[in-house]
Amino acid sequence: MAAVARKIRVTGLVQGVFFRAWTQHQANEVGVLGWVRNCRDGSVEAHLEGDPAAVDQLIERLRKGPPAAEVQEIEIRDVEPEGFHHFDVARSL
């Protein structure tokens, strides 16, 4: 099946709670590629790409977040795959 890519923005208490490191671990566990980073507005943004079922599985995990997080909302946009080879914690905006 062809890879899909989604840009995600997660709002709530998502910074200072190990959300990025947790997301990287979860992405590696399900086989999703891309990146995650903190944004100036207090949200976390991620680019996810891979098998559609794996991307959907990661998004479901992001809806809950790590134990200390309080996810309020997730925005999801379909984007073009960029051909990542791993999942990184990117520099904050």
PDB file of N, CA and C in Angstrom:
ATOM      1  N   MET A   1       0.841  -1.177   0.000  1.00  0.00           N
ATOM      2  CA  MET A   1       0.000   0.000   0.000  1.00  0.00           C
ATOM      3  C   MET A   1       0.889   1.244   0.000  1.00  0.00           C
ATOM      4  N   ALA A   2       0.480   2.288  -0.673  1.00  0.00           N
ATOM      5  CA  ALA A   2       1.259   3.514  -0.779  1.00  0.00           C
ATOM      6  C   ALA A   2       1.311   4.247   0.555  1.00  0.00           C
ATOM      7  N   ALA A   3       2.419   4.929   0.770  1.00  0.00           N
ATOM      8  CA  ALA A   3       2.586   5.710   1.993  1.00  0.00           C
ATOM      9  C   ALA A   3       1.655   6.912   1.988  1.00  0.00           C
ATOM     10  N   VAL A   4       1.204   7.286   3.170  1.00  0.00           N
ATOM     11  CA  VAL A   4       0.431   8.510   3.356  1.00  0.00           C
ATOM     12  C   VAL A   4       1.253   9.437   4.236  1.00  0.00           C
ATOM     13  N   ALA A   5       0.911  10.719   4.208  1.00  0.00           N
ATOM     14  CA  ALA A   5       1.584  11.687   5.072  1.00  0.00           C
ATOM     15  C   ALA A   5       0.534  12.614   5.662  1.00  0.00           C
ATOM     16  N   ARG A   6       0.718  12.926   6.934  1.00  0.00           N
ATOM     17  CA  ARG A   6      -0.215  13.812   7.623  1.00  0.00           C
ATOM     18  C   ARG A   6       0.572  14.795   8.488  1.00  0.00           C
ATOM     19  N   LYS A   7       0.137  16.039   8.463  1.00  0.00           N
ATOM     20  CA  LYS A   7       0.690  17.070   9.353  1.00  0.00           C
ATOM     21  C   LYS A   7      -0.275  17.176  10.525  1.00  0.00           C
ATOM     22  N   ILE A   8       0.267  17.120  11.730  1.00  0.00           N
ATOM     23  CA  ILE A   8      -0.526  17.079  12.953  1.00  0.00           C
ATOM     24  C   ILE A   8      -0.153  18.268  13.824  1.00  0.00           C
ATOM     25  N   ARG A   9      -1.150  18.897  14.445  1.00  0.00           N
ATOM     26  CA  ARG A   9      -0.901  19.906  15.482  1.00  0.00           C
ATOM     27  C   ARG A   9      -1.689  19.480  16.710  1.00  0.00           C
ATOM     28  N   VAL A  10      -0.975  19.338  17.830  1.00  0.00           N
ATOM     29  CA  VAL A  10      -1.582  18.898  19.080  1.00  0.00           C
ATOM     30  C   VAL A  10      -1.556  20.070  20.056  1.00  0.00           C
ATOM     31  N   THR A  11      -2.717  20.398  20.636  1.00  0.00           N
ATOM     32  CA  THR A  11      -2.797  21.489  21.600  1.00  0.00           C
ATOM     33  C   THR A  11      -3.217  20.955  22.961  1.00  0.00           C
ATOM     34  N   GLY A  12      -2.956  21.757  23.966  1.00  0.00           N
ATOM     35  CA  GLY A  12      -3.233  21.389  25.348  1.00  0.00           C
ATOM     36  C   GLY A  12      -1.947  21.507  26.147  1.00  0.00           C
ATOM     37  N   LEU A  13      -1.844  20.749  27.223  1.00  0.00           N
ATOM     38  CA  LEU A  13      -0.604  20.697  27.988  1.00  0.00           C
ATOM     39  C   LEU A  13       0.280  19.645  27.328  1.00  0.00           C
ATOM     40  N   VAL A  14       1.059  20.088  26.335  1.00  0.00           N
ATOM     41  CA  VAL A  14       1.845  19.151  25.524  1.00  0.00           C
ATOM     42  C   VAL A  14       3.329  19.515  25.456  1.00  0.00           C
ATOM     43  N   GLN A  15       3.723  20.593  26.120  1.00  0.00           N
ATOM     44  CA  GLN A  15       5.142  20.937  26.206  1.00  0.00           C
ATOM     45  C   GLN A  15       5.584  20.808  27.655  1.00  0.00           C
ATOM     46  N   GLY A  16       6.821  20.364  27.851  1.00  0.00           N
ATOM     47  CA  GLY A  16       7.345  20.172  29.192  1.00  0.00           C
ATOM     48  C   GLY A  16       6.871  18.884  29.840  1.00  0.00           C
ATOM     49  N   VAL A  17       6.308  17.988  29.034  1.00  0.00           N
ATOM     50  CA  VAL A  17       5.780  16.710  29.550  1.00  0.00           C
ATOM     51  C   VAL A  17       6.348  15.528  28.762  1.00  0.00           C
ATOM     52  N   PHE A  18       7.479  15.739  28.096  1.00  0.00           N
ATOM     53  CA  PHE A  18       8.169  14.699  27.305  1.00  0.00           C
ATOM     54  C   PHE A  18       7.345  14.221  26.113  1.00  0.00           C
ATOM     55  N   PHE A  19       6.473  15.099  25.581  1.00  0.00           N
ATOM     56  CA  PHE A  19       5.609  14.719  24.465  1.00  0.00           C
ATOM     57  C   PHE A  19       6.423  14.367  23.226  1.00  0.00           C
ATOM     58  N   ARG A  20       7.463  15.146  22.920  1.00  0.00           N
ATOM     59  CA  ARG A  20       8.246  14.886  21.707  1.00  0.00           C
ATOM     60  C   ARG A  20       9.002  13.571  21.795  1.00  0.00           C
ATOM     61  N   ALA A  21       9.684  13.341  22.907  1.00  0.00           N
ATOM     62  CA  ALA A  21      10.435  12.087  23.066  1.00  0.00           C
ATOM     63  C   ALA A  21       9.490  10.894  23.061  1.00  0.00           C
ATOM     64  N   TRP A  22       8.353  11.047  23.709  1.00  0.00           N
ATOM     65  CA  TRP A  22       7.352   9.978  23.743  1.00  0.00           C
ATOM     66  C   TRP A  22       6.828   9.701  22.332  1.00  0.00           C
ATOM     67  N   THR A  23       6.566  10.779  21.566  1.00  0.00           N
ATOM     68  CA  THR A  23       6.081  10.626  20.191  1.00  0.00           C
ATOM     69  C   THR A  23       7.113   9.903  19.337  1.00  0.00           C
ATOM     70  N   GLN A  24       8.385  10.265  19.484  1.00  0.00           N
ATOM     71  CA  GLN A  24       9.437   9.595  18.720  1.00  0.00           C
ATOM     72  C   GLN A  24       9.460   8.103  19.049  1.00  0.00           C
ATOM     73  N   HIS A  25       9.356   7.766  20.314  1.00  0.00           N
ATOM     74  CA  HIS A  25       9.339   6.352  20.720  1.00  0.00           C
ATOM     75  C   HIS A  25       8.135   5.631  20.117  1.00  0.00           C
ATOM     76  N   GLN A  26       6.962   6.256  20.196  1.00  0.00           N
ATOM     77  CA  GLN A  26       5.750   5.642  19.648  1.00  0.00           C
ATOM     78  C   GLN A  26       5.858   5.469  18.130  1.00  0.00           C
ATOM     79  N   ALA A  27       6.406   6.480  17.445  1.00  0.00           N
ATOM     80  CA  ALA A  27       6.567   6.407  15.990  1.00  0.00           C
ATOM     81  C   ALA A  27       7.497   5.260  15.610  1.00  0.00           C
ATOM     82  N   ASN A  28       8.600   5.128  16.331  1.00  0.00           N
ATOM     83  CA  ASN A  28       9.531   4.035  16.051  1.00  0.00           C
ATOM     84  C   ASN A  28       8.879   2.685  16.314  1.00  0.00           C
ATOM     85  N   GLU A  29       8.045   2.618  17.332  1.00  0.00           N
ATOM     86  CA  GLU A  29       7.376   1.367  17.681  1.00  0.00           C
ATOM     87  C   GLU A  29       6.415   0.900  16.584  1.00  0.00           C
ATOM     88  N   VAL A  30       5.693   1.847  15.949  1.00  0.00           N
ATOM     89  CA  VAL A  30       4.714   1.460  14.924  1.00  0.00           C
ATOM     90  C   VAL A  30       5.254   1.589  13.501  1.00  0.00           C
ATOM     91  N   GLY A  31       6.491   2.110  13.341  1.00  0.00           N
ATOM     92  CA  GLY A  31       7.101   2.198  12.021  1.00  0.00           C
ATOM     93  C   GLY A  31       6.711   3.412  11.205  1.00  0.00           C
ATOM     94  N   VAL A  32       6.476   4.544  11.880  1.00  0.00           N
ATOM     95  CA  VAL A  32       6.134   5.793  11.189  1.00  0.00           C
ATOM     96  C   VAL A  32       7.386   6.663  11.111  1.00  0.00           C
ATOM     97  N   LEU A  33       7.553   7.363   9.997  1.00  0.00           N
ATOM     98  CA  LEU A  33       8.700   8.232   9.748  1.00  0.00           C
ATOM     99  C   LEU A  33       8.265   9.686   9.815  1.00  0.00           C
ATOM    100  N   GLY A  34       9.234  10.602   9.988  1.00  0.00           N
ATOM    101  CA  GLY A  34       8.919  12.030   9.982  1.00  0.00           C
ATOM    102  C   GLY A  34       9.620  12.772  11.093  1.00  0.00           C
ATOM    103  N   TRP A  35       8.902  13.700  11.734  1.00  0.00           N
ATOM    104  CA  TRP A  35       9.488  14.519  12.791  1.00  0.00           C
ATOM    105  C   TRP A  35       8.400  15.056  13.711  1.00  0.00           C
ATOM    106  N   VAL A  36       8.844  15.563  14.869  1.00  0.00           N
ATOM    107  CA  VAL A  36       7.965  16.224  15.833  1.00  0.00           C
ATOM    108  C   VAL A  36       8.733  17.409  16.405  1.00  0.00           C
ATOM    109  N   ARG A  37       8.046  18.524  16.697  1.00  0.00           N
ATOM    110  CA  ARG A  37       8.707  19.696  17.269  1.00  0.00           C
ATOM    111  C   ARG A  37       7.727  20.525  18.095  1.00  0.00           C
ATOM    112  N   ASN A  38       8.280  21.308  19.022  1.00  0.00           N
ATOM    113  CA  ASN A  38       7.496  22.276  19.781  1.00  0.00           C
ATOM    114  C   ASN A  38       7.302  23.527  18.942  1.00  0.00           C
ATOM    115  N   CYS A  39       6.169  24.192  19.123  1.00  0.00           N
ATOM    116  CA  CYS A  39       5.885  25.463  18.456  1.00  0.00           C
ATOM    117  C   CYS A  39       5.794  26.570  19.504  1.00  0.00           C
ATOM    118  N   ARG A  40       6.031  27.800  19.075  1.00  0.00           N
ATOM    119  CA  ARG A  40       6.021  28.951  19.987  1.00  0.00           C
ATOM    120  C   ARG A  40       4.691  29.130  20.705  1.00  0.00           C
ATOM    121  N   ASP A  41       3.602  28.716  20.074  1.00  0.00           N
ATOM    122  CA  ASP A  41       2.274  28.918  20.672  1.00  0.00           C
ATOM    123  C   ASP A  41       1.929  27.879  21.736  1.00  0.00           C
ATOM    124  N   GLY A  42       2.873  26.999  22.073  1.00  0.00           N
ATOM    125  CA  GLY A  42       2.638  25.995  23.100  1.00  0.00           C
ATOM    126  C   GLY A  42       2.137  24.668  22.572  1.00  0.00           C
ATOM    127  N   SER A  43       1.907  24.591  21.274  1.00  0.00           N
ATOM    128  CA  SER A  43       1.451  23.337  20.667  1.00  0.00           C
ATOM    129  C   SER A  43       2.652  22.490  20.251  1.00  0.00           C
ATOM    130  N   VAL A  44       2.359  21.288  19.817  1.00  0.00           N
ATOM    131  CA  VAL A  44       3.357  20.392  19.239  1.00  0.00           C
ATOM    132  C   VAL A  44       2.902  20.062  17.827  1.00  0.00           C
ATOM    133  N   GLU A  45       3.827  20.124  16.879  1.00  0.00           N
ATOM    134  CA  GLU A  45       3.536  19.842  15.478  1.00  0.00           C
ATOM    135  C   GLU A  45       4.336  18.615  15.054  1.00  0.00           C
ATOM    136  N   ALA A  46       3.740  17.796  14.194  1.00  0.00           N
ATOM    137  CA  ALA A  46       4.439  16.606  13.712  1.00  0.00           C
ATOM    138  C   ALA A  46       4.109  16.362  12.251  1.00  0.00           C
ATOM    139  N   HIS A  47       5.065  15.798  11.545  1.00  0.00           N
ATOM    140  CA  HIS A  47       4.862  15.302  10.181  1.00  0.00           C
ATOM    141  C   HIS A  47       5.019  13.795  10.278  1.00  0.00           C
ATOM    142  N   LEU A  48       3.960  13.074   9.932  1.00  0.00           N
ATOM    143  CA  LEU A  48       3.948  11.619  10.029  1.00  0.00           C
ATOM    144  C   LEU A  48       3.789  11.035   8.645  1.00  0.00           C
ATOM    145  N   GLU A  49       4.590  10.036   8.311  1.00  0.00           N
ATOM    146  CA  GLU A  49       4.369   9.352   7.042  1.00  0.00           C
ATOM    147  C   GLU A  49       4.724   7.883   7.147  1.00  0.00           C
ATOM    148  N   GLY A  50       4.005   7.104   6.338  1.00  0.00           N
ATOM    149  CA  GLY A  50       4.218   5.667   6.329  1.00  0.00           C
ATOM    150  C   GLY A  50       2.962   4.942   5.914  1.00  0.00           C
ATOM    151  N   ASP A  51       2.888   3.680   6.283  1.00  0.00           N
ATOM    152  CA  ASP A  51       1.723   2.857   6.004  1.00  0.00           C
ATOM    153  C   ASP A  51       0.488   3.510   6.635  1.00  0.00           C
ATOM    154  N   PRO A  52      -0.639   3.597   5.905  1.00  0.00           N
ATOM    155  CA  PRO A  52      -1.826   4.260   6.450  1.00  0.00           C
ATOM    156  C   PRO A  52      -2.269   3.727   7.811  1.00  0.00           C
ATOM    157  N   ALA A  53      -2.237   2.412   7.998  1.00  0.00           N
ATOM    158  CA  ALA A  53      -2.662   1.840   9.281  1.00  0.00           C
ATOM    159  C   ALA A  53      -1.717   2.258  10.407  1.00  0.00           C
ATOM    160  N   ALA A  54      -0.414   2.315  10.133  1.00  0.00           N
ATOM    161  CA  ALA A  54       0.562   2.717  11.149  1.00  0.00           C
ATOM    162  C   ALA A  54       0.395   4.189  11.504  1.00  0.00           C
ATOM    163  N   VAL A  55       0.193   5.045  10.503  1.00  0.00           N
ATOM    164  CA  VAL A  55      -0.016   6.473  10.753  1.00  0.00           C
ATOM    165  C   VAL A  55      -1.279   6.665  11.588  1.00  0.00           C
ATOM    166  N   ASP A  56      -2.355   5.978  11.235  1.00  0.00           N
ATOM    167  CA  ASP A  56      -3.596   6.089  12.007  1.00  0.00           C
ATOM    168  C   ASP A  56      -3.408   5.605  13.436  1.00  0.00           C
ATOM    169  N   GLN A  57      -2.636   4.534  13.611  1.00  0.00           N
ATOM    170  CA  GLN A  57      -2.376   4.013  14.951  1.00  0.00           C
ATOM    171  C   GLN A  57      -1.611   5.041  15.788  1.00  0.00           C
ATOM    172  N   LEU A  58      -0.622   5.690  15.189  1.00  0.00           N
ATOM    173  CA  LEU A  58       0.133   6.707  15.914  1.00  0.00           C
ATOM    174  C   LEU A  58      -0.762   7.893  16.264  1.00  0.00           C
ATOM    175  N   ILE A  59      -1.611   8.314  15.348  1.00  0.00           N
ATOM    176  CA  ILE A  59      -2.521   9.428  15.637  1.00  0.00           C
ATOM    177  C   ILE A  59      -3.418   9.090  16.823  1.00  0.00           C
ATOM    178  N   GLU A  60      -3.902   7.873  16.896  1.00  0.00           N
ATOM    179  CA  GLU A  60      -4.728   7.471  18.043  1.00  0.00           C
ATOM    180  C   GLU A  60      -3.929   7.550  19.335  1.00  0.00           C
ATOM    181  N   ARG A  61      -2.669   7.177  19.301  1.00  0.00           N
ATOM    182  CA  ARG A  61      -1.823   7.284  20.493  1.00  0.00           C
ATOM    183  C   ARG A  61      -1.592   8.749  20.863  1.00  0.00           C
ATOM    184  N   LEU A  62      -1.428   9.609  19.844  1.00  0.00           N
ATOM    185  CA  LEU A  62      -1.222  11.035  20.102  1.00  0.00           C
ATOM    186  C   LEU A  62      -2.446  11.671  20.746  1.00  0.00           C
ATOM    187  N   ARG A  63      -3.618  11.155  20.477  1.00  0.00           N
ATOM    188  CA  ARG A  63      -4.846  11.690  21.092  1.00  0.00           C
ATOM    189  C   ARG A  63      -4.804  11.560  22.615  1.00  0.00           C
ATOM    190  N   LYS A  64      -4.082  10.569  23.107  1.00  0.00           N
ATOM    191  CA  LYS A  64      -3.945  10.362  24.557  1.00  0.00           C
ATOM    192  C   LYS A  64      -2.681  11.028  25.086  1.00  0.00           C
ATOM    193  N   GLY A  65      -1.574  10.878  24.363  1.00  0.00           N
ATOM    194  CA  GLY A  65      -0.304  11.452  24.775  1.00  0.00           C
ATOM    195  C   GLY A  65       0.325  10.700  25.930  1.00  0.00           C
ATOM    196  N   PRO A  66       1.503  11.162  26.359  1.00  0.00           N
ATOM    197  CA  PRO A  66       2.172  10.534  27.497  1.00  0.00           C
ATOM    198  C   PRO A  66       1.414  10.839  28.792  1.00  0.00           C
ATOM    199  N   PRO A  67       1.740  10.144  29.880  1.00  0.00           N
ATOM    200  CA  PRO A  67       0.970  10.277  31.118  1.00  0.00           C
ATOM    201  C   PRO A  67       0.800  11.706  31.639  1.00  0.00           C
ATOM    202  N   ALA A  68       1.817  12.561  31.547  1.00  0.00           N
ATOM    203  CA  ALA A  68       1.724  13.912  32.105  1.00  0.00           C
ATOM    204  C   ALA A  68       1.029  14.910  31.173  1.00  0.00           C
ATOM    205  N   ALA A  69       0.760  14.529  29.942  1.00  0.00           N
ATOM    206  CA  ALA A  69       0.142  15.439  28.968  1.00  0.00           C
ATOM    207  C   ALA A  69      -1.368  15.521  29.167  1.00  0.00           C
ATOM    208  N   GLU A  70      -1.927  16.641  28.711  1.00  0.00           N
ATOM    209  CA  GLU A  70      -3.378  16.826  28.664  1.00  0.00           C
ATOM    210  C   GLU A  70      -3.724  17.318  27.263  1.00  0.00           C
ATOM    211  N   VAL A  71      -4.011  16.390  26.371  1.00  0.00           N
ATOM    212  CA  VAL A  71      -4.309  16.733  24.980  1.00  0.00           C
ATOM    213  C   VAL A  71      -5.720  17.303  24.899  1.00  0.00           C
ATOM    214  N   GLN A  72      -5.842  18.509  24.326  1.00  0.00           N
ATOM    215  CA  GLN A  72      -7.149  19.128  24.140  1.00  0.00           C
ATOM    216  C   GLN A  72      -7.693  18.869  22.742  1.00  0.00           C
ATOM    217  N   GLU A  73      -6.829  19.028  21.748  1.00  0.00           N
ATOM    218  CA  GLU A  73      -7.294  18.924  20.360  1.00  0.00           C
ATOM    219  C   GLU A  73      -6.151  18.484  19.460  1.00  0.00           C
ATOM    220  N   ILE A  74      -6.521  17.785  18.392  1.00  0.00           N
ATOM    221  CA  ILE A  74      -5.557  17.416  17.355  1.00  0.00           C
ATOM    222  C   ILE A  74      -6.121  17.860  16.012  1.00  0.00           C
ATOM    223  N   GLU A  75      -5.333  18.643  15.286  1.00  0.00           N
ATOM    224  CA  GLU A  75      -5.676  19.023  13.914  1.00  0.00           C
ATOM    225  C   GLU A  75      -4.879  18.120  12.985  1.00  0.00           C
ATOM    226  N   ILE A  76      -5.536  17.612  11.948  1.00  0.00           N
ATOM    227  CA  ILE A  76      -4.895  16.673  11.022  1.00  0.00           C
ATOM    228  C   ILE A  76      -5.096  17.175   9.596  1.00  0.00           C
ATOM    229  N   ARG A  77      -4.002  17.278   8.846  1.00  0.00           N
ATOM    230  CA  ARG A  77      -4.070  17.646   7.428  1.00  0.00           C
ATOM    231  C   ARG A  77      -3.324  16.615   6.610  1.00  0.00           C
ATOM    232  N   ASP A  78      -3.881  16.233   5.481  1.00  0.00           N
ATOM    233  CA  ASP A  78      -3.165  15.378   4.537  1.00  0.00           C
ATOM    234  C   ASP A  78      -2.138  16.232   3.801  1.00  0.00           C
ATOM    235  N   VAL A  79      -0.924  15.722   3.684  1.00  0.00           N
ATOM    236  CA  VAL A  79       0.151  16.403   2.963  1.00  0.00           C
ATOM    237  C   VAL A  79       0.860  15.376   2.090  1.00  0.00           C
ATOM    238  N   GLU A  80       1.786  15.843   1.279  1.00  0.00           N
ATOM    239  CA  GLU A  80       2.549  14.948   0.412  1.00  0.00           C
ATOM    240  C   GLU A  80       3.684  14.285   1.194  1.00  0.00           C
ATOM    241  N   PRO A  81       3.916  12.993   0.977  1.00  0.00           N
ATOM    242  CA  PRO A  81       5.070  12.339   1.604  1.00  0.00           C
ATOM    243  C   PRO A  81       6.371  12.986   1.129  1.00  0.00           C
ATOM    244  N   GLU A  82       7.335  13.092   2.030  1.00  0.00           N
ATOM    245  CA  GLU A  82       8.625  13.697   1.708  1.00  0.00           C
ATOM    246  C   GLU A  82       9.753  12.678   1.666  1.00  0.00           C
ATOM    247  N   GLY A  83       9.464  11.418   1.951  1.00  0.00           N
ATOM    248  CA  GLY A  83      10.477  10.375   1.843  1.00  0.00           C
ATOM    249  C   GLY A  83      11.456  10.302   3.003  1.00  0.00           C
ATOM    250  N   PHE A  84      10.985  10.528   4.213  1.00  0.00           N
ATOM    251  CA  PHE A  84      11.857  10.428   5.386  1.00  0.00           C
ATOM    252  C   PHE A  84      12.347   8.998   5.562  1.00  0.00           C
ATOM    253  N   HIS A  85      13.515   8.870   6.225  1.00  0.00           N
ATOM    254  CA  HIS A  85      14.102   7.552   6.476  1.00  0.00           C
ATOM    255  C   HIS A  85      14.105   7.190   7.956  1.00  0.00           C
ATOM    256  N   HIS A  86      13.698   8.133   8.810  1.00  0.00           N
ATOM    257  CA  HIS A  86      13.640   7.887  10.251  1.00  0.00           C
ATOM    258  C   HIS A  86      12.706   8.916  10.874  1.00  0.00           C
ATOM    259  N   PHE A  87      12.552   8.880  12.187  1.00  0.00           N
ATOM    260  CA  PHE A  87      11.698   9.830  12.895  1.00  0.00           C
ATOM    261  C   PHE A  87      12.565  10.630  13.851  1.00  0.00           C
ATOM    262  N   ASP A  88      12.525  11.962  13.718  1.00  0.00           N
ATOM    263  CA  ASP A  88      13.388  12.847  14.502  1.00  0.00           C
ATOM    264  C   ASP A  88      12.591  13.778  15.402  1.00  0.00           C
ATOM    265  N   VAL A  89      13.229  14.209  16.477  1.00  0.00           N
ATOM    266  CA  VAL A  89      12.751  15.354  17.243  1.00  0.00           C
ATOM    267  C   VAL A  89      13.432  16.559  16.609  1.00  0.00           C
ATOM    268  N   ALA A  90      12.654  17.411  15.958  1.00  0.00           N
ATOM    269  CA  ALA A  90      13.197  18.557  15.224  1.00  0.00           C
ATOM    270  C   ALA A  90      13.351  19.764  16.147  1.00  0.00           C
ATOM    271  N   ARG A  91      14.100  20.748  15.682  1.00  0.00           N
ATOM    272  CA  ARG A  91      14.274  21.989  16.441  1.00  0.00           C
ATOM    273  C   ARG A  91      12.938  22.684  16.620  1.00  0.00           C
ATOM    274  N   SER A  92      12.756  23.269  17.778  1.00  0.00           N
ATOM    275  CA  SER A  92      11.528  24.006  18.071  1.00  0.00           C
ATOM    276  C   SER A  92      11.440  25.249  17.203  1.00  0.00           C
ATOM    277  N   LEU A  93      10.211  25.654  16.911  1.00  0.00           N
ATOM    278  CA  LEU A  93       9.992  26.895  16.158  1.00  0.00           C
ATOM    279  C   LEU A  93      10.029  28.080  17.095  1.00  0.00           C
TER     280      LEU A  93
END
